[in-house]
Amino acid sequence: MPARKGSGEWRGDLTKGAGTLGTESGALKALPYSFASRFESGKGTNPEELLAAAHAACYSMALSAGLSGAGYKVNSVQTEDSVHIERQGEGFAITLIEVRCEASVDGIDEAAFQKVAEETKKGCPVSKALSSTKMVLTAKLKK
């Protein structure tokens, strides 16, 4: 299995500097980020936004695999993550990841869906990488 690569460069000091980030595939290329885009409401992206997207994508795919592997027909899985960063002491820490998922699945009851959703929260590869951070899941089955 291949290793996936991303890159980041920062120029200048923390608050007045600026950087760019990208991915090996070129899907993200030279995207700007700054102190303001990360810790305030400035323009540009930030690592937490990318982490949220990466986990949401992984979770959606893993939940679909878990549900279909259990014999259910999966129509769609939509996930949105909110990654919270806070000042802690002299630095910053990611303190919470809120995962909101909505799925359309044929032939499943609420209890079975919630069981697979919780198992996926613990078992998807990105969830495992983020296991030291509190993760709260709200999973909804579309009717």
N, C-alpha and C. Protein backbone atom coordinates (compact mmCIF):
# COMPACT_ATOMS: atom_id res chain seq x y z
N MET A 1 0.86 -1.17 0.00
CA MET A 1 0.00 0.00 0.00
C MET A 1 0.91 1.24 0.00
N PRO A 2 0.57 2.23 -0.79
CA PRO A 2 1.43 3.41 -0.89
C PRO A 2 1.31 4.33 0.32
N ALA A 3 2.38 5.06 0.61
CA ALA A 3 2.33 6.14 1.60
C ALA A 3 1.80 7.37 0.88
N ARG A 4 0.95 8.12 1.52
CA ARG A 4 0.39 9.34 0.94
C ARG A 4 1.17 10.54 1.48
N LYS A 5 1.37 11.53 0.64
CA LYS A 5 2.20 12.66 1.04
C LYS A 5 1.45 13.98 0.94
N GLY A 6 1.72 14.83 1.89
CA GLY A 6 1.26 16.21 1.88
C GLY A 6 2.44 17.08 2.24
N SER A 7 2.35 18.36 1.93
CA SER A 7 3.46 19.25 2.24
C SER A 7 2.94 20.57 2.76
N GLY A 8 3.78 21.23 3.54
CA GLY A 8 3.46 22.54 4.05
C GLY A 8 4.73 23.36 4.17
N GLU A 9 4.60 24.65 3.92
CA GLU A 9 5.72 25.56 4.09
C GLU A 9 5.20 26.80 4.81
N TRP A 10 5.99 27.32 5.74
CA TRP A 10 5.65 28.52 6.48
C TRP A 10 6.79 29.52 6.33
N ARG A 11 6.45 30.77 6.09
CA ARG A 11 7.46 31.83 5.96
C ARG A 11 7.13 32.94 6.95
N GLY A 12 8.09 33.28 7.78
CA GLY A 12 7.91 34.38 8.72
C GLY A 12 7.56 33.90 10.11
N ASP A 13 7.23 34.87 10.97
CA ASP A 13 6.89 34.52 12.35
C ASP A 13 5.46 34.01 12.43
N LEU A 14 5.04 33.63 13.63
CA LEU A 14 3.74 32.98 13.81
C LEU A 14 2.57 33.85 13.39
N THR A 15 2.51 35.08 13.85
CA THR A 15 1.32 35.88 13.62
C THR A 15 1.33 36.67 12.32
N LYS A 16 2.50 37.02 11.82
CA LYS A 16 2.56 37.82 10.59
C LYS A 16 3.00 37.01 9.38
N GLY A 17 3.44 35.79 9.62
CA GLY A 17 3.90 34.93 8.53
C GLY A 17 2.73 34.36 7.74
N ALA A 18 3.08 33.57 6.74
CA ALA A 18 2.07 32.93 5.91
C ALA A 18 2.67 31.66 5.34
N GLY A 19 1.80 30.77 4.92
CA GLY A 19 2.28 29.51 4.38
C GLY A 19 1.40 29.00 3.26
N THR A 20 1.86 27.89 2.69
CA THR A 20 1.09 27.18 1.69
C THR A 20 1.17 25.70 2.01
N LEU A 21 0.16 24.98 1.56
CA LEU A 21 0.15 23.53 1.74
C LEU A 21 -0.36 22.88 0.49
N GLY A 22 -0.05 21.61 0.34
CA GLY A 22 -0.48 20.90 -0.86
C GLY A 22 -0.43 19.40 -0.66
N THR A 23 -0.86 18.71 -1.69
CA THR A 23 -0.86 17.25 -1.66
C THR A 23 -0.08 16.72 -2.85
N GLU A 24 0.44 15.54 -2.69
CA GLU A 24 1.23 14.88 -3.72
C GLU A 24 0.44 14.72 -5.02
N SER A 25 -0.85 14.43 -4.90
CA SER A 25 -1.67 14.20 -6.09
C SER A 25 -1.92 15.48 -6.89
N GLY A 26 -1.72 16.61 -6.24
CA GLY A 26 -2.02 17.88 -6.88
C GLY A 26 -3.46 18.32 -6.69
N ALA A 27 -4.27 17.52 -6.01
CA ALA A 27 -5.65 17.90 -5.75
C ALA A 27 -5.71 19.19 -4.94
N LEU A 28 -4.77 19.34 -4.04
CA LEU A 28 -4.60 20.59 -3.30
C LEU A 28 -3.20 21.08 -3.63
N LYS A 29 -3.11 22.28 -4.15
CA LYS A 29 -1.81 22.77 -4.58
C LYS A 29 -1.62 24.21 -4.14
N ALA A 30 -0.60 24.44 -3.36
CA ALA A 30 -0.22 25.79 -2.92
C ALA A 30 -1.38 26.56 -2.29
N LEU A 31 -2.18 25.88 -1.48
CA LEU A 31 -3.28 26.57 -0.80
C LEU A 31 -2.71 27.45 0.31
N PRO A 32 -3.15 28.70 0.41
CA PRO A 32 -2.61 29.58 1.44
C PRO A 32 -3.23 29.32 2.81
N TYR A 33 -2.42 29.50 3.85
CA TYR A 33 -2.92 29.51 5.22
C TYR A 33 -2.11 30.51 6.03
N SER A 34 -2.72 30.95 7.12
CA SER A 34 -2.09 31.99 7.93
C SER A 34 -2.55 31.85 9.37
N PHE A 35 -1.99 32.65 10.24
CA PHE A 35 -2.44 32.68 11.63
C PHE A 35 -3.93 33.01 11.67
N ALA A 36 -4.33 34.01 10.88
CA ALA A 36 -5.73 34.43 10.87
C ALA A 36 -6.67 33.34 10.35
N SER A 37 -6.25 32.58 9.35
CA SER A 37 -7.13 31.52 8.82
C SER A 37 -7.19 30.33 9.77
N ARG A 38 -6.22 30.24 10.65
CA ARG A 38 -6.20 29.11 11.57
C ARG A 38 -6.82 29.43 12.93
N PHE A 39 -6.53 30.59 13.47
CA PHE A 39 -6.95 30.89 14.83
C PHE A 39 -7.98 32.01 14.92
N GLU A 40 -8.31 32.61 13.79
CA GLU A 40 -9.32 33.67 13.75
C GLU A 40 -10.29 33.33 12.63
N SER A 41 -10.74 34.32 11.88
CA SER A 41 -11.67 34.06 10.78
C SER A 41 -11.13 34.59 9.45
N GLY A 42 -9.82 34.50 9.28
CA GLY A 42 -9.20 35.00 8.06
C GLY A 42 -9.41 34.07 6.88
N LYS A 43 -9.09 34.58 5.70
CA LYS A 43 -9.22 33.80 4.47
C LYS A 43 -8.11 32.77 4.38
N GLY A 44 -8.40 31.68 3.71
CA GLY A 44 -7.44 30.60 3.53
C GLY A 44 -7.88 29.37 4.29
N THR A 45 -7.12 28.32 4.15
CA THR A 45 -7.45 27.06 4.81
C THR A 45 -6.65 26.93 6.10
N ASN A 46 -6.66 25.76 6.69
CA ASN A 46 -5.89 25.49 7.90
C ASN A 46 -5.84 23.99 8.12
N PRO A 47 -4.89 23.52 8.92
CA PRO A 47 -4.76 22.08 9.14
C PRO A 47 -6.00 21.44 9.74
N GLU A 48 -6.72 22.15 10.60
CA GLU A 48 -7.90 21.57 11.24
C GLU A 48 -9.01 21.32 10.23
N GLU A 49 -9.20 22.24 9.29
CA GLU A 49 -10.20 22.06 8.24
C GLU A 49 -9.87 20.84 7.38
N LEU A 50 -8.60 20.68 7.07
CA LEU A 50 -8.18 19.54 6.26
C LEU A 50 -8.31 18.23 7.04
N LEU A 51 -8.01 18.28 8.33
CA LEU A 51 -8.18 17.11 9.19
C LEU A 51 -9.66 16.72 9.25
N ALA A 52 -10.53 17.72 9.37
CA ALA A 52 -11.97 17.46 9.40
C ALA A 52 -12.43 16.79 8.11
N ALA A 53 -11.97 17.31 6.98
CA ALA A 53 -12.35 16.72 5.69
C ALA A 53 -11.81 15.30 5.55
N ALA A 54 -10.56 15.09 5.97
CA ALA A 54 -9.96 13.76 5.86
C ALA A 54 -10.72 12.75 6.71
N HIS A 55 -11.06 13.13 7.94
CA HIS A 55 -11.79 12.19 8.79
C HIS A 55 -13.20 11.96 8.27
N ALA A 56 -13.89 13.01 7.84
CA ALA A 56 -15.25 12.85 7.34
C ALA A 56 -15.29 11.92 6.13
N ALA A 57 -14.31 12.06 5.24
CA ALA A 57 -14.25 11.19 4.06
C ALA A 57 -13.98 9.75 4.46
N CYS A 58 -13.03 9.56 5.37
CA CYS A 58 -12.68 8.21 5.82
C CYS A 58 -13.86 7.56 6.55
N TYR A 59 -14.50 8.33 7.43
CA TYR A 59 -15.63 7.80 8.19
C TYR A 59 -16.77 7.40 7.25
N SER A 60 -17.10 8.25 6.28
CA SER A 60 -18.18 7.93 5.35
C SER A 60 -17.90 6.63 4.61
N MET A 61 -16.68 6.49 4.13
CA MET A 61 -16.30 5.29 3.38
C MET A 61 -16.31 4.05 4.28
N ALA A 62 -15.77 4.18 5.49
CA ALA A 62 -15.72 3.05 6.42
C ALA A 62 -17.11 2.64 6.89
N LEU A 63 -17.99 3.61 7.14
CA LEU A 63 -19.35 3.28 7.56
C LEU A 63 -20.08 2.55 6.43
N SER A 64 -19.90 3.02 5.21
CA SER A 64 -20.50 2.34 4.07
C SER A 64 -20.01 0.90 3.97
N ALA A 65 -18.71 0.70 4.18
CA ALA A 65 -18.15 -0.65 4.14
C ALA A 65 -18.72 -1.52 5.25
N GLY A 66 -18.82 -0.97 6.45
CA GLY A 66 -19.37 -1.74 7.57
C GLY A 66 -20.82 -2.12 7.37
N LEU A 67 -21.60 -1.19 6.87
CA LEU A 67 -23.02 -1.45 6.64
C LEU A 67 -23.23 -2.44 5.51
N SER A 68 -22.52 -2.24 4.40
CA SER A 68 -22.70 -3.17 3.27
C SER A 68 -22.12 -4.54 3.61
N GLY A 69 -21.05 -4.58 4.39
CA GLY A 69 -20.49 -5.85 4.83
C GLY A 69 -21.43 -6.63 5.73
N ALA A 70 -22.32 -5.90 6.42
CA ALA A 70 -23.33 -6.54 7.27
C ALA A 70 -24.59 -6.90 6.49
N GLY A 71 -24.56 -6.66 5.16
CA GLY A 71 -25.66 -7.08 4.31
C GLY A 71 -26.70 -6.02 3.99
N TYR A 72 -26.44 -4.78 4.36
CA TYR A 72 -27.40 -3.71 4.09
C TYR A 72 -27.06 -2.99 2.79
N LYS A 73 -28.08 -2.45 2.12
CA LYS A 73 -27.88 -1.66 0.91
C LYS A 73 -27.69 -0.21 1.31
N VAL A 74 -26.52 0.32 1.05
CA VAL A 74 -26.19 1.70 1.40
C VAL A 74 -26.46 2.58 0.18
N ASN A 75 -27.31 3.58 0.37
CA ASN A 75 -27.60 4.55 -0.69
C ASN A 75 -26.65 5.74 -0.62
N SER A 76 -26.42 6.24 0.59
CA SER A 76 -25.49 7.37 0.76
C SER A 76 -25.10 7.51 2.22
N VAL A 77 -23.91 8.05 2.42
CA VAL A 77 -23.43 8.40 3.76
C VAL A 77 -22.80 9.78 3.63
N GLN A 78 -23.30 10.73 4.39
CA GLN A 78 -22.75 12.09 4.40
C GLN A 78 -22.26 12.39 5.80
N THR A 79 -21.02 12.85 5.91
CA THR A 79 -20.42 13.14 7.21
C THR A 79 -19.81 14.52 7.18
N GLU A 80 -19.98 15.23 8.28
CA GLU A 80 -19.36 16.53 8.47
C GLU A 80 -18.69 16.54 9.84
N ASP A 81 -17.42 16.91 9.87
CA ASP A 81 -16.67 17.00 11.12
C ASP A 81 -16.44 18.46 11.49
N SER A 82 -16.42 18.73 12.77
CA SER A 82 -15.99 20.02 13.31
C SER A 82 -14.81 19.73 14.23
N VAL A 83 -13.65 20.26 13.87
CA VAL A 83 -12.43 20.05 14.65
C VAL A 83 -12.19 21.32 15.46
N HIS A 84 -12.13 21.17 16.78
CA HIS A 84 -11.96 22.30 17.69
C HIS A 84 -10.49 22.40 18.13
N ILE A 85 -9.94 23.59 17.99
CA ILE A 85 -8.58 23.85 18.47
C ILE A 85 -8.68 24.94 19.54
N GLU A 86 -7.94 24.76 20.63
CA GLU A 86 -7.98 25.71 21.73
C GLU A 86 -6.57 25.97 22.25
N ARG A 87 -6.42 27.14 22.84
CA ARG A 87 -5.16 27.46 23.50
C ARG A 87 -5.06 26.62 24.77
N GLN A 88 -3.91 26.01 24.96
CA GLN A 88 -3.62 25.26 26.18
C GLN A 88 -2.23 25.65 26.63
N GLY A 89 -2.16 26.35 27.75
CA GLY A 89 -0.87 26.80 28.24
C GLY A 89 -0.23 27.75 27.24
N GLU A 90 0.99 27.45 26.86
CA GLU A 90 1.72 28.29 25.90
C GLU A 90 1.47 27.89 24.45
N GLY A 91 0.70 26.84 24.23
CA GLY A 91 0.48 26.37 22.87
C GLY A 91 -0.99 26.15 22.57
N PHE A 92 -1.23 25.31 21.59
CA PHE A 92 -2.59 25.01 21.15
C PHE A 92 -2.75 23.49 21.08
N ALA A 93 -4.01 23.04 21.18
CA ALA A 93 -4.30 21.61 21.08
C ALA A 93 -5.66 21.41 20.43
N ILE A 94 -5.77 20.34 19.67
CA ILE A 94 -7.07 19.92 19.15
C ILE A 94 -7.74 19.17 20.30
N THR A 95 -8.87 19.70 20.75
CA THR A 95 -9.49 19.18 21.97
C THR A 95 -10.76 18.37 21.74
N LEU A 96 -11.37 18.52 20.58
CA LEU A 96 -12.65 17.84 20.32
C LEU A 96 -12.87 17.73 18.83
N ILE A 97 -13.41 16.59 18.43
CA ILE A 97 -13.87 16.40 17.06
C ILE A 97 -15.32 15.96 17.13
N GLU A 98 -16.19 16.79 16.56
CA GLU A 98 -17.61 16.46 16.50
C GLU A 98 -17.88 15.87 15.12
N VAL A 99 -18.46 14.68 15.10
CA VAL A 99 -18.76 13.97 13.86
C VAL A 99 -20.28 13.89 13.72
N ARG A 100 -20.79 14.46 12.64
CA ARG A 100 -22.22 14.40 12.36
C ARG A 100 -22.41 13.65 11.05
N CYS A 101 -23.17 12.58 11.14
CA CYS A 101 -23.34 11.70 9.99
C CYS A 101 -24.82 11.46 9.74
N GLU A 102 -25.16 11.40 8.46
CA GLU A 102 -26.51 11.06 8.05
C GLU A 102 -26.40 10.04 6.93
N ALA A 103 -27.12 8.95 7.06
CA ALA A 103 -27.02 7.87 6.07
C ALA A 103 -28.40 7.41 5.62
N SER A 104 -28.45 7.04 4.36
CA SER A 104 -29.64 6.42 3.79
C SER A 104 -29.28 4.96 3.53
N VAL A 105 -29.94 4.07 4.26
CA VAL A 105 -29.62 2.64 4.21
C VAL A 105 -30.93 1.86 4.18
N ASP A 106 -31.04 0.95 3.23
CA ASP A 106 -32.24 0.13 3.14
C ASP A 106 -32.16 -1.06 4.09
N GLY A 107 -33.30 -1.35 4.75
CA GLY A 107 -33.45 -2.58 5.52
C GLY A 107 -32.77 -2.61 6.87
N ILE A 108 -32.42 -1.48 7.45
CA ILE A 108 -31.73 -1.48 8.74
C ILE A 108 -32.60 -0.76 9.77
N ASP A 109 -32.56 -1.24 11.02
CA ASP A 109 -33.27 -0.53 12.08
C ASP A 109 -32.29 0.40 12.80
N GLU A 110 -32.83 1.26 13.61
CA GLU A 110 -32.03 2.29 14.29
C GLU A 110 -30.93 1.70 15.17
N ALA A 111 -31.26 0.68 15.93
CA ALA A 111 -30.27 0.09 16.84
C ALA A 111 -29.09 -0.51 16.08
N ALA A 112 -29.36 -1.23 15.02
CA ALA A 112 -28.29 -1.83 14.23
C ALA A 112 -27.44 -0.74 13.57
N PHE A 113 -28.09 0.31 13.08
CA PHE A 113 -27.35 1.41 12.47
C PHE A 113 -26.43 2.09 13.48
N GLN A 114 -26.95 2.38 14.65
CA GLN A 114 -26.14 3.06 15.68
C GLN A 114 -24.95 2.19 16.11
N LYS A 115 -25.15 0.89 16.16
CA LYS A 115 -24.06 -0.02 16.53
C LYS A 115 -22.93 0.04 15.51
N VAL A 116 -23.27 -0.04 14.23
CA VAL A 116 -22.24 0.02 13.18
C VAL A 116 -21.59 1.41 13.15
N ALA A 117 -22.39 2.46 13.35
CA ALA A 117 -21.85 3.82 13.36
C ALA A 117 -20.82 4.00 14.48
N GLU A 118 -21.12 3.50 15.66
CA GLU A 118 -20.18 3.60 16.80
C GLU A 118 -18.92 2.77 16.56
N GLU A 119 -19.10 1.57 16.02
CA GLU A 119 -17.93 0.73 15.72
C GLU A 119 -17.02 1.42 14.70
N THR A 120 -17.63 2.08 13.73
CA THR A 120 -16.87 2.79 12.70
C THR A 120 -16.11 3.96 13.31
N LYS A 121 -16.70 4.64 14.28
CA LYS A 121 -16.02 5.77 14.94
C LYS A 121 -14.70 5.31 15.56
N LYS A 122 -14.67 4.10 16.06
CA LYS A 122 -13.46 3.56 16.68
C LYS A 122 -12.54 2.91 15.66
N GLY A 123 -13.10 2.43 14.55
CA GLY A 123 -12.33 1.57 13.66
C GLY A 123 -11.83 2.14 12.36
N CYS A 124 -12.35 3.28 11.91
CA CYS A 124 -11.86 3.79 10.63
C CYS A 124 -10.41 4.24 10.81
N PRO A 125 -9.57 4.11 9.78
CA PRO A 125 -8.15 4.41 9.93
C PRO A 125 -7.83 5.80 10.46
N VAL A 126 -8.55 6.81 10.00
CA VAL A 126 -8.27 8.16 10.49
C VAL A 126 -8.74 8.31 11.93
N SER A 127 -9.86 7.69 12.29
CA SER A 127 -10.29 7.70 13.70
C SER A 127 -9.23 7.09 14.60
N LYS A 128 -8.63 6.01 14.16
CA LYS A 128 -7.58 5.38 14.95
C LYS A 128 -6.40 6.33 15.15
N ALA A 129 -6.04 7.06 14.09
CA ALA A 129 -4.93 8.01 14.18
C ALA A 129 -5.26 9.16 15.13
N LEU A 130 -6.54 9.48 15.26
CA LEU A 130 -6.98 10.59 16.10
C LEU A 130 -7.50 10.14 17.46
N SER A 131 -7.22 8.91 17.84
CA SER A 131 -7.83 8.32 19.03
C SER A 131 -7.49 9.01 20.35
N SER A 132 -6.46 9.83 20.38
CA SER A 132 -6.15 10.54 21.63
C SER A 132 -7.01 11.79 21.81
N THR A 133 -7.83 12.12 20.83
CA THR A 133 -8.70 13.29 20.90
C THR A 133 -10.14 12.84 21.12
N LYS A 134 -10.84 13.54 22.00
CA LYS A 134 -12.25 13.22 22.26
C LYS A 134 -13.04 13.38 20.97
N MET A 135 -13.83 12.36 20.64
CA MET A 135 -14.63 12.36 19.43
C MET A 135 -16.08 12.07 19.81
N VAL A 136 -16.99 12.95 19.41
CA VAL A 136 -18.41 12.80 19.71
C VAL A 136 -19.16 12.58 18.39
N LEU A 137 -19.92 11.50 18.33
CA LEU A 137 -20.64 11.13 17.11
C LEU A 137 -22.13 11.36 17.27
N THR A 138 -22.74 11.99 16.28
CA THR A 138 -24.18 12.06 16.13
C THR A 138 -24.50 11.44 14.79
N ALA A 139 -25.10 10.25 14.80
CA ALA A 139 -25.40 9.53 13.57
C ALA A 139 -26.92 9.46 13.41
N LYS A 140 -27.35 9.83 12.21
CA LYS A 140 -28.79 9.87 11.94
C LYS A 140 -29.08 9.00 10.73
N LEU A 141 -30.11 8.21 10.86
CA LEU A 141 -30.57 7.36 9.76
C LEU A 141 -31.68 8.11 9.04
N LYS A 142 -31.50 8.37 7.73
CA LYS A 142 -32.52 9.04 6.93
C LYS A 142 -33.70 8.10 6.75
N LYS A 143 -34.86 8.63 6.86
CA LYS A 143 -36.08 7.82 6.66
C LYS A 143 -36.54 7.92 5.24
